């Protein structure tokens, strides 16, 4: 049975519209914030490490259902992927990330991102 972990972060990834044309030095603090948030969750869960390839599912919860170009949020998950790799939860994107899913939901109470990391079989 594959192991998995779910992490909930009270933050939304940036959309590509928010990132395009912005100098990397302006994005660095946002990237560092994701590393800190993921790092805290990693430590609080006992420093879990996945030694086999994984699939990651991002579920992004918005407080309203206004029109959004959802594929804009796919690029924003890059900072989260980098933070997961930085904490050693996962390994490099090239060989260890076998599948990446993004889902969008509504939660009228708050906006947040749920991250599910799950080991997958080698032949996936």
PDB file of N, CA and C in Angstrom:
ATOM      1  N   UNK A   1       0.845  -1.190   0.000  1.00  0.00           N
ATOM      2  CA  UNK A   1       0.000   0.000   0.000  1.00  0.00           C
ATOM      3  C   UNK A   1       0.886   1.248   0.000  1.00  0.00           C
ATOM      4  N   UNK A   2       0.683   2.133  -0.958  1.00  0.00           N
ATOM      5  CA  UNK A   2       1.520   3.331  -1.028  1.00  0.00           C
ATOM      6  C   UNK A   2       1.285   4.242   0.170  1.00  0.00           C
ATOM      7  N   UNK A   3       2.333   4.889   0.611  1.00  0.00           N
ATOM      8  CA  UNK A   3       2.158   5.855   1.698  1.00  0.00           C
ATOM      9  C   UNK A   3       1.829   7.218   1.107  1.00  0.00           C
ATOM     10  N   UNK A   4       1.198   8.053   1.923  1.00  0.00           N
ATOM     11  CA  UNK A   4       0.843   9.392   1.470  1.00  0.00           C
ATOM     12  C   UNK A   4       0.831  10.342   2.655  1.00  0.00           C
ATOM     13  N   UNK A   5       0.848  11.620   2.338  1.00  0.00           N
ATOM     14  CA  UNK A   5       0.713  12.663   3.339  1.00  0.00           C
ATOM     15  C   UNK A   5      -0.097  13.789   2.707  1.00  0.00           C
ATOM     16  N   UNK A   6      -0.923  14.435   3.529  1.00  0.00           N
ATOM     17  CA  UNK A   6      -1.665  15.620   3.092  1.00  0.00           C
ATOM     18  C   UNK A   6      -1.225  16.804   3.930  1.00  0.00           C
ATOM     19  N   UNK A   7      -0.970  17.890   3.254  1.00  0.00           N
ATOM     20  CA  UNK A   7      -0.544  19.132   3.895  1.00  0.00           C
ATOM     21  C   UNK A   7      -1.536  20.211   3.493  1.00  0.00           C
ATOM     22  N   UNK A   8      -1.972  20.999   4.453  1.00  0.00           N
ATOM     23  CA  UNK A   8      -2.855  22.122   4.167  1.00  0.00           C
ATOM     24  C   UNK A   8      -2.128  23.410   4.521  1.00  0.00           C
ATOM     25  N   UNK A   9      -2.101  24.331   3.568  1.00  0.00           N
ATOM     26  CA  UNK A   9      -1.427  25.615   3.762  1.00  0.00           C
ATOM     27  C   UNK A   9      -2.444  26.719   3.524  1.00  0.00           C
ATOM     28  N   UNK A  10      -2.544  27.644   4.458  1.00  0.00           N
ATOM     29  CA  UNK A  10      -3.512  28.735   4.361  1.00  0.00           C
ATOM     30  C   UNK A  10      -3.010  29.838   3.429  1.00  0.00           C
ATOM     31  N   UNK A  11      -2.777  29.444   2.199  1.00  0.00           N
ATOM     32  CA  UNK A  11      -2.259  30.360   1.183  1.00  0.00           C
ATOM     33  C   UNK A  11      -2.581  29.775  -0.186  1.00  0.00           C
ATOM     34  N   UNK A  12      -2.765  30.635  -1.152  1.00  0.00           N
ATOM     35  CA  UNK A  12      -2.975  30.198  -2.526  1.00  0.00           C
ATOM     36  C   UNK A  12      -1.691  30.403  -3.321  1.00  0.00           C
ATOM     37  N   UNK A  13      -1.425  29.524  -4.293  1.00  0.00           N
ATOM     38  CA  UNK A  13      -0.274  29.791  -5.162  1.00  0.00           C
ATOM     39  C   UNK A  13      -0.550  31.029  -6.006  1.00  0.00           C
ATOM     40  N   UNK A  14       0.511  31.687  -6.423  1.00  0.00           N
ATOM     41  CA  UNK A  14       0.351  32.809  -7.345  1.00  0.00           C
ATOM     42  C   UNK A  14      -0.193  32.296  -8.668  1.00  0.00           C
ATOM     43  N   UNK A  15      -0.896  33.153  -9.372  1.00  0.00           N
ATOM     44  CA  UNK A  15      -1.281  32.806 -10.731  1.00  0.00           C
ATOM     45  C   UNK A  15      -0.149  33.231 -11.661  1.00  0.00           C
ATOM     46  N   UNK A  16      -0.112  32.645 -12.842  1.00  0.00           N
ATOM     47  CA  UNK A  16       0.910  33.049 -13.809  1.00  0.00           C
ATOM     48  C   UNK A  16       0.795  34.527 -14.142  1.00  0.00           C
ATOM     49  N   UNK A  17      -0.424  35.051 -14.175  1.00  0.00           N
ATOM     50  CA  UNK A  17      -0.609  36.479 -14.446  1.00  0.00           C
ATOM     51  C   UNK A  17       0.121  37.332 -13.407  1.00  0.00           C
ATOM     52  N   UNK A  18       0.170  36.851 -12.164  1.00  0.00           N
ATOM     53  CA  UNK A  18       0.869  37.581 -11.110  1.00  0.00           C
ATOM     54  C   UNK A  18       2.386  37.439 -11.210  1.00  0.00           C
ATOM     55  N   UNK A  19       2.853  36.401 -11.915  1.00  0.00           N
ATOM     56  CA  UNK A  19       4.284  36.112 -11.966  1.00  0.00           C
ATOM     57  C   UNK A  19       4.972  36.625 -13.232  1.00  0.00           C
ATOM     58  N   UNK A  20       4.245  36.652 -14.339  1.00  0.00           N
ATOM     59  CA  UNK A  20       4.861  37.009 -15.619  1.00  0.00           C
ATOM     60  C   UNK A  20       5.321  38.464 -15.596  1.00  0.00           C
ATOM     61  N   UNK A  21       6.540  38.658 -16.014  1.00  0.00           N
ATOM     62  CA  UNK A  21       7.091  40.009 -16.096  1.00  0.00           C
ATOM     63  C   UNK A  21       7.623  40.553 -14.785  1.00  0.00           C
ATOM     64  N   UNK A  22       7.499  39.791 -13.719  1.00  0.00           N
ATOM     65  CA  UNK A  22       7.996  40.236 -12.417  1.00  0.00           C
ATOM     66  C   UNK A  22       9.438  39.749 -12.280  1.00  0.00           C
ATOM     67  N   UNK A  23      10.323  40.634 -11.889  1.00  0.00           N
ATOM     68  CA  UNK A  23      11.723  40.262 -11.725  1.00  0.00           C
ATOM     69  C   UNK A  23      11.851  39.188 -10.643  1.00  0.00           C
ATOM     70  N   UNK A  24      12.786  38.258 -10.864  1.00  0.00           N
ATOM     71  CA  UNK A  24      12.931  37.121  -9.944  1.00  0.00           C
ATOM     72  C   UNK A  24      13.222  37.563  -8.516  1.00  0.00           C
ATOM     73  N   UNK A  25      13.848  38.726  -8.339  1.00  0.00           N
ATOM     74  CA  UNK A  25      14.142  39.177  -6.977  1.00  0.00           C
ATOM     75  C   UNK A  25      12.866  39.539  -6.220  1.00  0.00           C
ATOM     76  N   UNK A  26      11.824  39.926  -6.950  1.00  0.00           N
ATOM     77  CA  UNK A  26      10.536  40.233  -6.306  1.00  0.00           C
ATOM     78  C   UNK A  26       9.777  38.953  -5.952  1.00  0.00           C
ATOM     79  N   UNK A  27      10.046  37.875  -6.695  1.00  0.00           N
ATOM     80  CA  UNK A  27       9.375  36.603  -6.432  1.00  0.00           C
ATOM     81  C   UNK A  27      10.089  35.773  -5.365  1.00  0.00           C
ATOM     82  N   UNK A  28      11.361  36.080  -5.119  1.00  0.00           N
ATOM     83  CA  UNK A  28      12.144  35.304  -4.163  1.00  0.00           C
ATOM     84  C   UNK A  28      11.523  35.238  -2.765  1.00  0.00           C
ATOM     85  N   UNK A  29      11.002  36.348  -2.215  1.00  0.00           N
ATOM     86  CA  UNK A  29      10.373  36.247  -0.888  1.00  0.00           C
ATOM     87  C   UNK A  29       9.154  35.317  -0.869  1.00  0.00           C
ATOM     88  N   UNK A  30       8.424  35.260  -1.967  1.00  0.00           N
ATOM     89  CA  UNK A  30       7.258  34.376  -2.039  1.00  0.00           C
ATOM     90  C   UNK A  30       7.720  32.925  -2.069  1.00  0.00           C
ATOM     91  N   UNK A  31       8.754  32.666  -2.849  1.00  0.00           N
ATOM     92  CA  UNK A  31       9.332  31.322  -2.911  1.00  0.00           C
ATOM     93  C   UNK A  31       9.836  30.900  -1.527  1.00  0.00           C
ATOM     94  N   UNK A  32      10.505  31.796  -0.833  1.00  0.00           N
ATOM     95  CA  UNK A  32      11.027  31.496   0.501  1.00  0.00           C
ATOM     96  C   UNK A  32       9.893  31.249   1.503  1.00  0.00           C
ATOM     97  N   UNK A  33       8.808  31.993   1.366  1.00  0.00           N
ATOM     98  CA  UNK A  33       7.654  31.785   2.252  1.00  0.00           C
ATOM     99  C   UNK A  33       7.089  30.384   2.070  1.00  0.00           C
ATOM    100  N   UNK A  34       6.964  29.931   0.815  1.00  0.00           N
ATOM    101  CA  UNK A  34       6.486  28.566   0.574  1.00  0.00           C
ATOM    102  C   UNK A  34       7.435  27.541   1.191  1.00  0.00           C
ATOM    103  N   UNK A  35       8.737  27.781   1.081  1.00  0.00           N
ATOM    104  CA  UNK A  35       9.697  26.857   1.689  1.00  0.00           C
ATOM    105  C   UNK A  35       9.513  26.795   3.199  1.00  0.00           C
ATOM    106  N   UNK A  36       9.280  27.923   3.825  1.00  0.00           N
ATOM    107  CA  UNK A  36       9.069  27.960   5.271  1.00  0.00           C
ATOM    108  C   UNK A  36       7.773  27.248   5.654  1.00  0.00           C
ATOM    109  N   UNK A  37       6.701  27.532   4.943  1.00  0.00           N
ATOM    110  CA  UNK A  37       5.411  26.916   5.254  1.00  0.00           C
ATOM    111  C   UNK A  37       5.457  25.400   5.068  1.00  0.00           C
ATOM    112  N   UNK A  38       6.011  24.941   3.951  1.00  0.00           N
ATOM    113  CA  UNK A  38       6.119  23.509   3.699  1.00  0.00           C
ATOM    114  C   UNK A  38       7.084  22.882   4.702  1.00  0.00           C
ATOM    115  N   UNK A  39       8.178  23.566   4.986  1.00  0.00           N
ATOM    116  CA  UNK A  39       9.148  23.060   5.966  1.00  0.00           C
ATOM    117  C   UNK A  39       8.522  22.867   7.333  1.00  0.00           C
ATOM    118  N   UNK A  40       7.724  23.821   7.769  1.00  0.00           N
ATOM    119  CA  UNK A  40       7.038  23.694   9.063  1.00  0.00           C
ATOM    120  C   UNK A  40       6.125  22.470   9.066  1.00  0.00           C
ATOM    121  N   UNK A  41       5.344  22.312   8.004  1.00  0.00           N
ATOM    122  CA  UNK A  41       4.438  21.159   7.917  1.00  0.00           C
ATOM    123  C   UNK A  41       5.223  19.847   7.872  1.00  0.00           C
ATOM    124  N   UNK A  42       6.348  19.857   7.176  1.00  0.00           N
ATOM    125  CA  UNK A  42       7.202  18.670   7.074  1.00  0.00           C
ATOM    126  C   UNK A  42       7.726  18.264   8.455  1.00  0.00           C
ATOM    127  N   UNK A  43       8.209  19.240   9.201  1.00  0.00           N
ATOM    128  CA  UNK A  43       8.726  18.955  10.543  1.00  0.00           C
ATOM    129  C   UNK A  43       7.608  18.475  11.457  1.00  0.00           C
ATOM    130  N   UNK A  44       6.435  19.112  11.374  1.00  0.00           N
ATOM    131  CA  UNK A  44       5.329  18.740  12.256  1.00  0.00           C
ATOM    132  C   UNK A  44       4.792  17.345  11.959  1.00  0.00           C
ATOM    133  N   UNK A  45       5.094  16.809  10.800  1.00  0.00           N
ATOM    134  CA  UNK A  45       4.654  15.458  10.432  1.00  0.00           C
ATOM    135  C   UNK A  45       5.777  14.433  10.569  1.00  0.00           C
ATOM    136  N   UNK A  46       6.823  14.787  11.290  1.00  0.00           N
ATOM    137  CA  UNK A  46       7.881  13.832  11.561  1.00  0.00           C
ATOM    138  C   UNK A  46       8.902  13.685  10.458  1.00  0.00           C
ATOM    139  N   UNK A  47       9.039  14.699   9.619  1.00  0.00           N
ATOM    140  CA  UNK A  47      10.039  14.712   8.538  1.00  0.00           C
ATOM    141  C   UNK A  47       9.903  13.524   7.587  1.00  0.00           C
ATOM    142  N   UNK A  48       8.693  13.264   7.172  1.00  0.00           N
ATOM    143  CA  UNK A  48       8.429  12.164   6.248  1.00  0.00           C
ATOM    144  C   UNK A  48       9.215  12.382   4.948  1.00  0.00           C
ATOM    145  N   UNK A  49       9.772  11.289   4.439  1.00  0.00           N
ATOM    146  CA  UNK A  49      10.532  11.328   3.190  1.00  0.00           C
ATOM    147  C   UNK A  49      10.008  10.217   2.291  1.00  0.00           C
ATOM    148  N   UNK A  50       9.752  10.556   1.047  1.00  0.00           N
ATOM    149  CA  UNK A  50       9.314   9.569   0.064  1.00  0.00           C
ATOM    150  C   UNK A  50      10.527   9.099  -0.710  1.00  0.00           C
ATOM    151  N   UNK A  51      10.779   7.821  -0.668  1.00  0.00           N
ATOM    152  CA  UNK A  51      11.941   7.237  -1.334  1.00  0.00           C
ATOM    153  C   UNK A  51      11.597   6.631  -2.685  1.00  0.00           C
ATOM    154  N   UNK A  52      10.319   6.640  -3.022  1.00  0.00           N
ATOM    155  CA  UNK A  52       9.857   6.138  -4.312  1.00  0.00           C
ATOM    156  C   UNK A  52       9.202   7.285  -5.063  1.00  0.00           C
ATOM    157  N   UNK A  53       9.000   7.119  -6.367  1.00  0.00           N
ATOM    158  CA  UNK A  53       8.327   8.180  -7.137  1.00  0.00           C
ATOM    159  C   UNK A  53       6.951   8.506  -6.550  1.00  0.00           C
ATOM    160  N   UNK A  54       6.534   9.740  -6.760  1.00  0.00           N
ATOM    161  CA  UNK A  54       5.288  10.221  -6.176  1.00  0.00           C
ATOM    162  C   UNK A  54       4.383  10.846  -7.225  1.00  0.00           C
ATOM    163  N   UNK A  55       3.137  10.964  -6.837  1.00  0.00           N
ATOM    164  CA  UNK A  55       2.209  11.831  -7.552  1.00  0.00           C
ATOM    165  C   UNK A  55       1.761  12.884  -6.554  1.00  0.00           C
ATOM    166  N   UNK A  56       1.577  14.083  -7.044  1.00  0.00           N
ATOM    167  CA  UNK A  56       1.163  15.196  -6.188  1.00  0.00           C
ATOM    168  C   UNK A  56      -0.164  15.719  -6.712  1.00  0.00           C
ATOM    169  N   UNK A  57      -1.089  15.927  -5.794  1.00  0.00           N
ATOM    170  CA  UNK A  57      -2.365  16.535  -6.143  1.00  0.00           C
ATOM    171  C   UNK A  57      -2.526  17.816  -5.348  1.00  0.00           C
ATOM    172  N   UNK A  58      -2.679  18.908  -6.061  1.00  0.00           N
ATOM    173  CA  UNK A  58      -2.972  20.195  -5.446  1.00  0.00           C
ATOM    174  C   UNK A  58      -4.463  20.429  -5.553  1.00  0.00           C
ATOM    175  N   UNK A  59      -5.102  20.684  -4.421  1.00  0.00           N
ATOM    176  CA  UNK A  59      -6.494  21.116  -4.429  1.00  0.00           C
ATOM    177  C   UNK A  59      -6.493  22.546  -3.909  1.00  0.00           C
ATOM    178  N   UNK A  60      -6.870  23.458  -4.772  1.00  0.00           N
ATOM    179  CA  UNK A  60      -6.855  24.878  -4.440  1.00  0.00           C
ATOM    180  C   UNK A  60      -8.281  25.301  -4.143  1.00  0.00           C
ATOM    181  N   UNK A  61      -8.495  25.779  -2.926  1.00  0.00           N
ATOM    182  CA  UNK A  61      -9.817  26.169  -2.453  1.00  0.00           C
ATOM    183  C   UNK A  61      -9.946  27.689  -2.486  1.00  0.00           C
ATOM    184  N   UNK A  62     -10.938  28.174  -3.217  1.00  0.00           N
ATOM    185  CA  UNK A  62     -11.235  29.593  -3.291  1.00  0.00           C
ATOM    186  C   UNK A  62     -12.464  29.875  -2.436  1.00  0.00           C
ATOM    187  N   UNK A  63     -12.590  31.122  -1.954  1.00  0.00           N
ATOM    188  CA  UNK A  63     -13.744  31.490  -1.136  1.00  0.00           C
ATOM    189  C   UNK A  63     -14.981  31.801  -1.966  1.00  0.00           C
ATOM    190  N   UNK A  64     -14.816  32.002  -3.246  1.00  0.00           N
ATOM    191  CA  UNK A  64     -15.959  32.327  -4.092  1.00  0.00           C
ATOM    192  C   UNK A  64     -15.826  31.567  -5.415  1.00  0.00           C
ATOM    193  N   UNK A  65     -16.859  31.636  -6.207  1.00  0.00           N
ATOM    194  CA  UNK A  65     -16.822  30.911  -7.476  1.00  0.00           C
ATOM    195  C   UNK A  65     -16.789  31.855  -8.684  1.00  0.00           C
ATOM    196  N   UNK A  66     -16.136  32.998  -8.525  1.00  0.00           N
ATOM    197  CA  UNK A  66     -16.029  33.921  -9.648  1.00  0.00           C
ATOM    198  C   UNK A  66     -15.210  33.280 -10.764  1.00  0.00           C
ATOM    199  N   UNK A  67     -15.333  33.806 -11.954  1.00  0.00           N
ATOM    200  CA  UNK A  67     -14.617  33.258 -13.099  1.00  0.00           C
ATOM    201  C   UNK A  67     -13.115  33.418 -12.924  1.00  0.00           C
ATOM    202  N   UNK A  68     -12.394  32.336 -13.146  1.00  0.00           N
ATOM    203  CA  UNK A  68     -10.940  32.342 -13.083  1.00  0.00           C
ATOM    204  C   UNK A  68     -10.406  31.527 -14.246  1.00  0.00           C
ATOM    205  N   UNK A  69      -9.239  31.902 -14.696  1.00  0.00           N
ATOM    206  CA  UNK A  69      -8.529  31.127 -15.695  1.00  0.00           C
ATOM    207  C   UNK A  69      -7.664  30.138 -14.908  1.00  0.00           C
ATOM    208  N   UNK A  70      -8.209  28.969 -14.638  1.00  0.00           N
ATOM    209  CA  UNK A  70      -7.589  28.050 -13.693  1.00  0.00           C
ATOM    210  C   UNK A  70      -6.191  27.600 -14.095  1.00  0.00           C
ATOM    211  N   UNK A  71      -5.917  27.509 -15.381  1.00  0.00           N
ATOM    212  CA  UNK A  71      -4.577  27.067 -15.754  1.00  0.00           C
ATOM    213  C   UNK A  71      -3.509  28.081 -15.354  1.00  0.00           C
ATOM    214  N   UNK A  72      -3.901  29.304 -15.040  1.00  0.00           N
ATOM    215  CA  UNK A  72      -2.947  30.279 -14.520  1.00  0.00           C
ATOM    216  C   UNK A  72      -2.355  29.847 -13.191  1.00  0.00           C
ATOM    217  N   UNK A  73      -3.084  29.057 -12.432  1.00  0.00           N
ATOM    218  CA  UNK A  73      -2.597  28.634 -11.116  1.00  0.00           C
ATOM    219  C   UNK A  73      -1.634  27.452 -11.204  1.00  0.00           C
ATOM    220  N   UNK A  74      -1.575  26.792 -12.352  1.00  0.00           N
ATOM    221  CA  UNK A  74      -0.664  25.657 -12.504  1.00  0.00           C
ATOM    222  C   UNK A  74       0.787  26.100 -12.373  1.00  0.00           C
ATOM    223  N   UNK A  75       1.135  27.222 -12.992  1.00  0.00           N
ATOM    224  CA  UNK A  75       2.506  27.720 -12.910  1.00  0.00           C
ATOM    225  C   UNK A  75       2.895  28.113 -11.494  1.00  0.00           C
ATOM    226  N   UNK A  76       1.933  28.586 -10.727  1.00  0.00           N
ATOM    227  CA  UNK A  76       2.208  28.980  -9.348  1.00  0.00           C
ATOM    228  C   UNK A  76       2.565  27.824  -8.446  1.00  0.00           C
ATOM    229  N   UNK A  77       2.230  26.612  -8.866  1.00  0.00           N
ATOM    230  CA  UNK A  77       2.575  25.451  -8.040  1.00  0.00           C
ATOM    231  C   UNK A  77       4.071  25.124  -8.125  1.00  0.00           C
ATOM    232  N   UNK A  78       4.794  25.750  -9.023  1.00  0.00           N
ATOM    233  CA  UNK A  78       6.250  25.531  -9.131  1.00  0.00           C
ATOM    234  C   UNK A  78       6.942  25.822  -7.811  1.00  0.00           C
ATOM    235  N   UNK A  79       6.579  26.912  -7.160  1.00  0.00           N
ATOM    236  CA  UNK A  79       7.198  27.245  -5.873  1.00  0.00           C
ATOM    237  C   UNK A  79       6.909  26.170  -4.827  1.00  0.00           C
ATOM    238  N   UNK A  80       5.719  25.573  -4.898  1.00  0.00           N
ATOM    239  CA  UNK A  80       5.383  24.508  -3.957  1.00  0.00           C
ATOM    240  C   UNK A  80       6.210  23.262  -4.266  1.00  0.00           C
ATOM    241  N   UNK A  81       6.317  22.912  -5.553  1.00  0.00           N
ATOM    242  CA  UNK A  81       7.145  21.757  -5.931  1.00  0.00           C
ATOM    243  C   UNK A  81       8.578  21.936  -5.446  1.00  0.00           C
ATOM    244  N   UNK A  82       9.121  23.138  -5.634  1.00  0.00           N
ATOM    245  CA  UNK A  82      10.481  23.408  -5.190  1.00  0.00           C
ATOM    246  C   UNK A  82      10.600  23.288  -3.668  1.00  0.00           C
ATOM    247  N   UNK A  83       9.595  23.758  -2.953  1.00  0.00           N
ATOM    248  CA  UNK A  83       9.618  23.664  -1.492  1.00  0.00           C
ATOM    249  C   UNK A  83       9.544  22.212  -1.038  1.00  0.00           C
ATOM    250  N   UNK A  84       8.742  21.394  -1.706  1.00  0.00           N
ATOM    251  CA  UNK A  84       8.662  19.969  -1.362  1.00  0.00           C
ATOM    252  C   UNK A  84      10.010  19.293  -1.574  1.00  0.00           C
ATOM    253  N   UNK A  85      10.678  19.634  -2.655  1.00  0.00           N
ATOM    254  CA  UNK A  85      11.989  19.065  -2.931  1.00  0.00           C
ATOM    255  C   UNK A  85      13.017  19.571  -1.919  1.00  0.00           C
ATOM    256  N   UNK A  86      12.924  20.829  -1.547  1.00  0.00           N
ATOM    257  CA  UNK A  86      13.866  21.435  -0.598  1.00  0.00           C
ATOM    258  C   UNK A  86      13.805  20.750   0.775  1.00  0.00           C
ATOM    259  N   UNK A  87      12.614  20.340   1.173  1.00  0.00           N
ATOM    260  CA  UNK A  87      12.466  19.684   2.475  1.00  0.00           C
ATOM    261  C   UNK A  87      12.779  18.201   2.425  1.00  0.00           C
ATOM    262  N   UNK A  88      13.045  17.687   1.242  1.00  0.00           N
ATOM    263  CA  UNK A  88      13.323  16.262   1.029  1.00  0.00           C
ATOM    264  C   UNK A  88      12.079  15.398   1.088  1.00  0.00           C
ATOM    265  N   UNK A  89      10.892  16.003   1.126  1.00  0.00           N
ATOM    266  CA  UNK A  89       9.681  15.191   1.033  1.00  0.00           C
ATOM    267  C   UNK A  89       9.716  14.438  -0.283  1.00  0.00           C
ATOM    268  N   UNK A  90      10.085  15.137  -1.356  1.00  0.00           N
ATOM    269  CA  UNK A  90      10.203  14.501  -2.665  1.00  0.00           C
ATOM    270  C   UNK A  90      11.605  14.767  -3.210  1.00  0.00           C
ATOM    271  N   UNK A  91      11.928  14.107  -4.280  1.00  0.00           N
ATOM    272  CA  UNK A  91      13.219  14.290  -4.936  1.00  0.00           C
ATOM    273  C   UNK A  91      13.050  15.173  -6.168  1.00  0.00           C
ATOM    274  N   UNK A  92      14.056  15.188  -7.016  1.00  0.00           N
ATOM    275  CA  UNK A  92      14.000  16.073  -8.179  1.00  0.00           C
ATOM    276  C   UNK A  92      12.790  15.779  -9.060  1.00  0.00           C
ATOM    277  N   UNK A  93      12.302  16.825  -9.711  1.00  0.00           N
ATOM    278  CA  UNK A  93      11.086  16.722 -10.522  1.00  0.00           C
ATOM    279  C   UNK A  93      11.247  15.734 -11.672  1.00  0.00           C
ATOM    280  N   UNK A  94      12.437  15.631 -12.204  1.00  0.00           N
ATOM    281  CA  UNK A  94      12.669  14.876 -13.425  1.00  0.00           C
ATOM    282  C   UNK A  94      12.314  13.392 -13.302  1.00  0.00           C
ATOM    283  N   UNK A  95      12.796  12.728 -12.283  1.00  0.00           N
ATOM    284  CA  UNK A  95      12.581  11.285 -12.167  1.00  0.00           C
ATOM    285  C   UNK A  95      11.589  10.882 -11.094  1.00  0.00           C
ATOM    286  N   UNK A  96      11.360  11.730 -10.118  1.00  0.00           N
ATOM    287  CA  UNK A  96      10.565  11.317  -8.964  1.00  0.00           C
ATOM    288  C   UNK A  96       9.119  11.765  -9.022  1.00  0.00           C
ATOM    289  N   UNK A  97       8.832  12.780  -9.790  1.00  0.00           N
ATOM    290  CA  UNK A  97       7.459  13.267  -9.904  1.00  0.00           C
ATOM    291  C   UNK A  97       6.824  12.622 -11.125  1.00  0.00           C
ATOM    292  N   UNK A  98       5.983  11.626 -10.881  1.00  0.00           N
ATOM    293  CA  UNK A  98       5.394  10.853 -11.974  1.00  0.00           C
ATOM    294  C   UNK A  98       4.069  11.436 -12.461  1.00  0.00           C
ATOM    295  N   UNK A  99       3.352  12.113 -11.578  1.00  0.00           N
ATOM    296  CA  UNK A  99       2.049  12.640 -11.966  1.00  0.00           C
ATOM    297  C   UNK A  99       1.748  13.869 -11.110  1.00  0.00           C
ATOM    298  N   UNK A 100       1.189  14.884 -11.758  1.00  0.00           N
ATOM    299  CA  UNK A 100       0.837  16.120 -11.075  1.00  0.00           C
ATOM    300  C   UNK A 100      -0.593  16.465 -11.430  1.00  0.00           C
ATOM    301  N   UNK A 101      -1.441  16.590 -10.422  1.00  0.00           N
ATOM    302  CA  UNK A 101      -2.857  16.910 -10.621  1.00  0.00           C
ATOM    303  C   UNK A 101      -3.170  18.225  -9.923  1.00  0.00           C
ATOM    304  N   UNK A 102      -4.057  18.980 -10.511  1.00  0.00           N
ATOM    305  CA  UNK A 102      -4.539  20.198  -9.865  1.00  0.00           C
ATOM    306  C   UNK A 102      -6.056  20.210  -9.933  1.00  0.00           C
ATOM    307  N   UNK A 103      -6.662  20.430  -8.775  1.00  0.00           N
ATOM    308  CA  UNK A 103      -8.119  20.491  -8.668  1.00  0.00           C
ATOM    309  C   UNK A 103      -8.501  21.819  -8.036  1.00  0.00           C
ATOM    310  N   UNK A 104      -9.715  22.269  -8.312  1.00  0.00           N
ATOM    311  CA  UNK A 104     -10.196  23.533  -7.778  1.00  0.00           C
ATOM    312  C   UNK A 104     -11.531  23.308  -7.091  1.00  0.00           C
ATOM    313  N   UNK A 105     -11.657  23.854  -5.888  1.00  0.00           N
ATOM    314  CA  UNK A 105     -12.864  23.699  -5.080  1.00  0.00           C
ATOM    315  C   UNK A 105     -13.243  25.047  -4.474  1.00  0.00           C
ATOM    316  N   UNK A 106     -14.432  25.083  -3.889  1.00  0.00           N
ATOM    317  CA  UNK A 106     -14.916  26.278  -3.189  1.00  0.00           C
ATOM    318  C   UNK A 106     -15.052  25.950  -1.712  1.00  0.00           C
ATOM    319  N   UNK A 107     -14.537  26.834  -0.869  1.00  0.00           N
ATOM    320  CA  UNK A 107     -14.744  26.768   0.574  1.00  0.00           C
ATOM    321  C   UNK A 107     -15.087  28.186   1.005  1.00  0.00           C
ATOM    322  N   UNK A 108     -16.332  28.424   1.319  1.00  0.00           N
ATOM    323  CA  UNK A 108     -16.809  29.778   1.620  1.00  0.00           C
ATOM    324  C   UNK A 108     -16.134  30.384   2.856  1.00  0.00           C
ATOM    325  N   UNK A 109     -15.526  29.555   3.693  1.00  0.00           N
ATOM    326  CA  UNK A 109     -14.912  30.036   4.930  1.00  0.00           C
ATOM    327  C   UNK A 109     -13.516  30.620   4.724  1.00  0.00           C
ATOM    328  N   UNK A 110     -12.722  29.979   3.852  1.00  0.00           N
ATOM    329  CA  UNK A 110     -11.342  30.440   3.690  1.00  0.00           C
ATOM    330  C   UNK A 110     -10.748  29.926   2.379  1.00  0.00           C
ATOM    331  N   UNK A 111      -9.689  30.585   1.957  1.00  0.00           N
ATOM    332  CA  UNK A 111      -8.930  30.166   0.777  1.00  0.00           C
ATOM    333  C   UNK A 111      -7.675  29.447   1.268  1.00  0.00           C
ATOM    334  N   UNK A 112      -7.355  28.320   0.669  1.00  0.00           N
ATOM    335  CA  UNK A 112      -6.175  27.552   1.074  1.00  0.00           C
ATOM    336  C   UNK A 112      -5.814  26.546  -0.005  1.00  0.00           C
ATOM    337  N   UNK A 113      -4.678  25.897   0.197  1.00  0.00           N
ATOM    338  CA  UNK A 113      -4.196  24.881  -0.732  1.00  0.00           C
ATOM    339  C   UNK A 113      -3.951  23.595   0.033  1.00  0.00           C
ATOM    340  N   UNK A 114      -4.531  22.515  -0.463  1.00  0.00           N
ATOM    341  CA  UNK A 114      -4.283  21.190   0.118  1.00  0.00           C
ATOM    342  C   UNK A 114      -3.359  20.447  -0.838  1.00  0.00           C
ATOM    343  N   UNK A 115      -2.315  19.867  -0.285  1.00  0.00           N
ATOM    344  CA  UNK A 115      -1.309  19.169  -1.078  1.00  0.00           C
ATOM    345  C   UNK A 115      -1.281  17.719  -0.621  1.00  0.00           C
ATOM    346  N   UNK A 116      -1.512  16.827  -1.553  1.00  0.00           N
ATOM    347  CA  UNK A 116      -1.448  15.395  -1.247  1.00  0.00           C
ATOM    348  C   UNK A 116      -0.286  14.796  -2.031  1.00  0.00           C
ATOM    349  N   UNK A 117       0.649  14.194  -1.311  1.00  0.00           N
ATOM    350  CA  UNK A 117       1.794  13.541  -1.919  1.00  0.00           C
ATOM    351  C   UNK A 117       1.635  12.048  -1.648  1.00  0.00           C
ATOM    352  N   UNK A 118       1.696  11.265  -2.708  1.00  0.00           N
ATOM    353  CA  UNK A 118       1.459   9.826  -2.578  1.00  0.00           C
ATOM    354  C   UNK A 118       2.467   9.054  -3.412  1.00  0.00           C
ATOM    355  N   UNK A 119       3.039   8.022  -2.816  1.00  0.00           N
ATOM    356  CA  UNK A 119       3.925   7.138  -3.566  1.00  0.00           C
ATOM    357  C   UNK A 119       3.133   6.424  -4.657  1.00  0.00           C
ATOM    358  N   UNK A 120       3.806   6.205  -5.768  1.00  0.00           N
ATOM    359  CA  UNK A 120       3.176   5.469  -6.865  1.00  0.00           C
ATOM    360  C   UNK A 120       4.056   4.282  -7.241  1.00  0.00           C
ATOM    361  N   UNK A 121       3.469   3.336  -7.905  1.00  0.00           N
ATOM    362  CA  UNK A 121       4.221   2.195  -8.393  1.00  0.00           C
ATOM    363  C   UNK A 121       5.143   2.649  -9.507  1.00  0.00           C
ATOM    364  N   UNK A 122       6.264   2.001  -9.657  1.00  0.00           N
ATOM    365  CA  UNK A 122       7.262   2.376 -10.659  1.00  0.00           C
ATOM    366  C   UNK A 122       6.745   2.395 -12.075  1.00  0.00           C
ATOM    367  N   UNK A 123       5.790   1.537 -12.418  1.00  0.00           N
ATOM    368  CA  UNK A 123       5.350   1.442 -13.807  1.00  0.00           C
ATOM    369  C   UNK A 123       4.240   2.403 -14.180  1.00  0.00           C
ATOM    370  N   UNK A 124       3.922   3.359 -13.314  1.00  0.00           N
ATOM    371  CA  UNK A 124       2.867   4.332 -13.614  1.00  0.00           C
ATOM    372  C   UNK A 124       3.343   5.301 -14.667  1.00  0.00           C
TER     373      UNK A 124
END
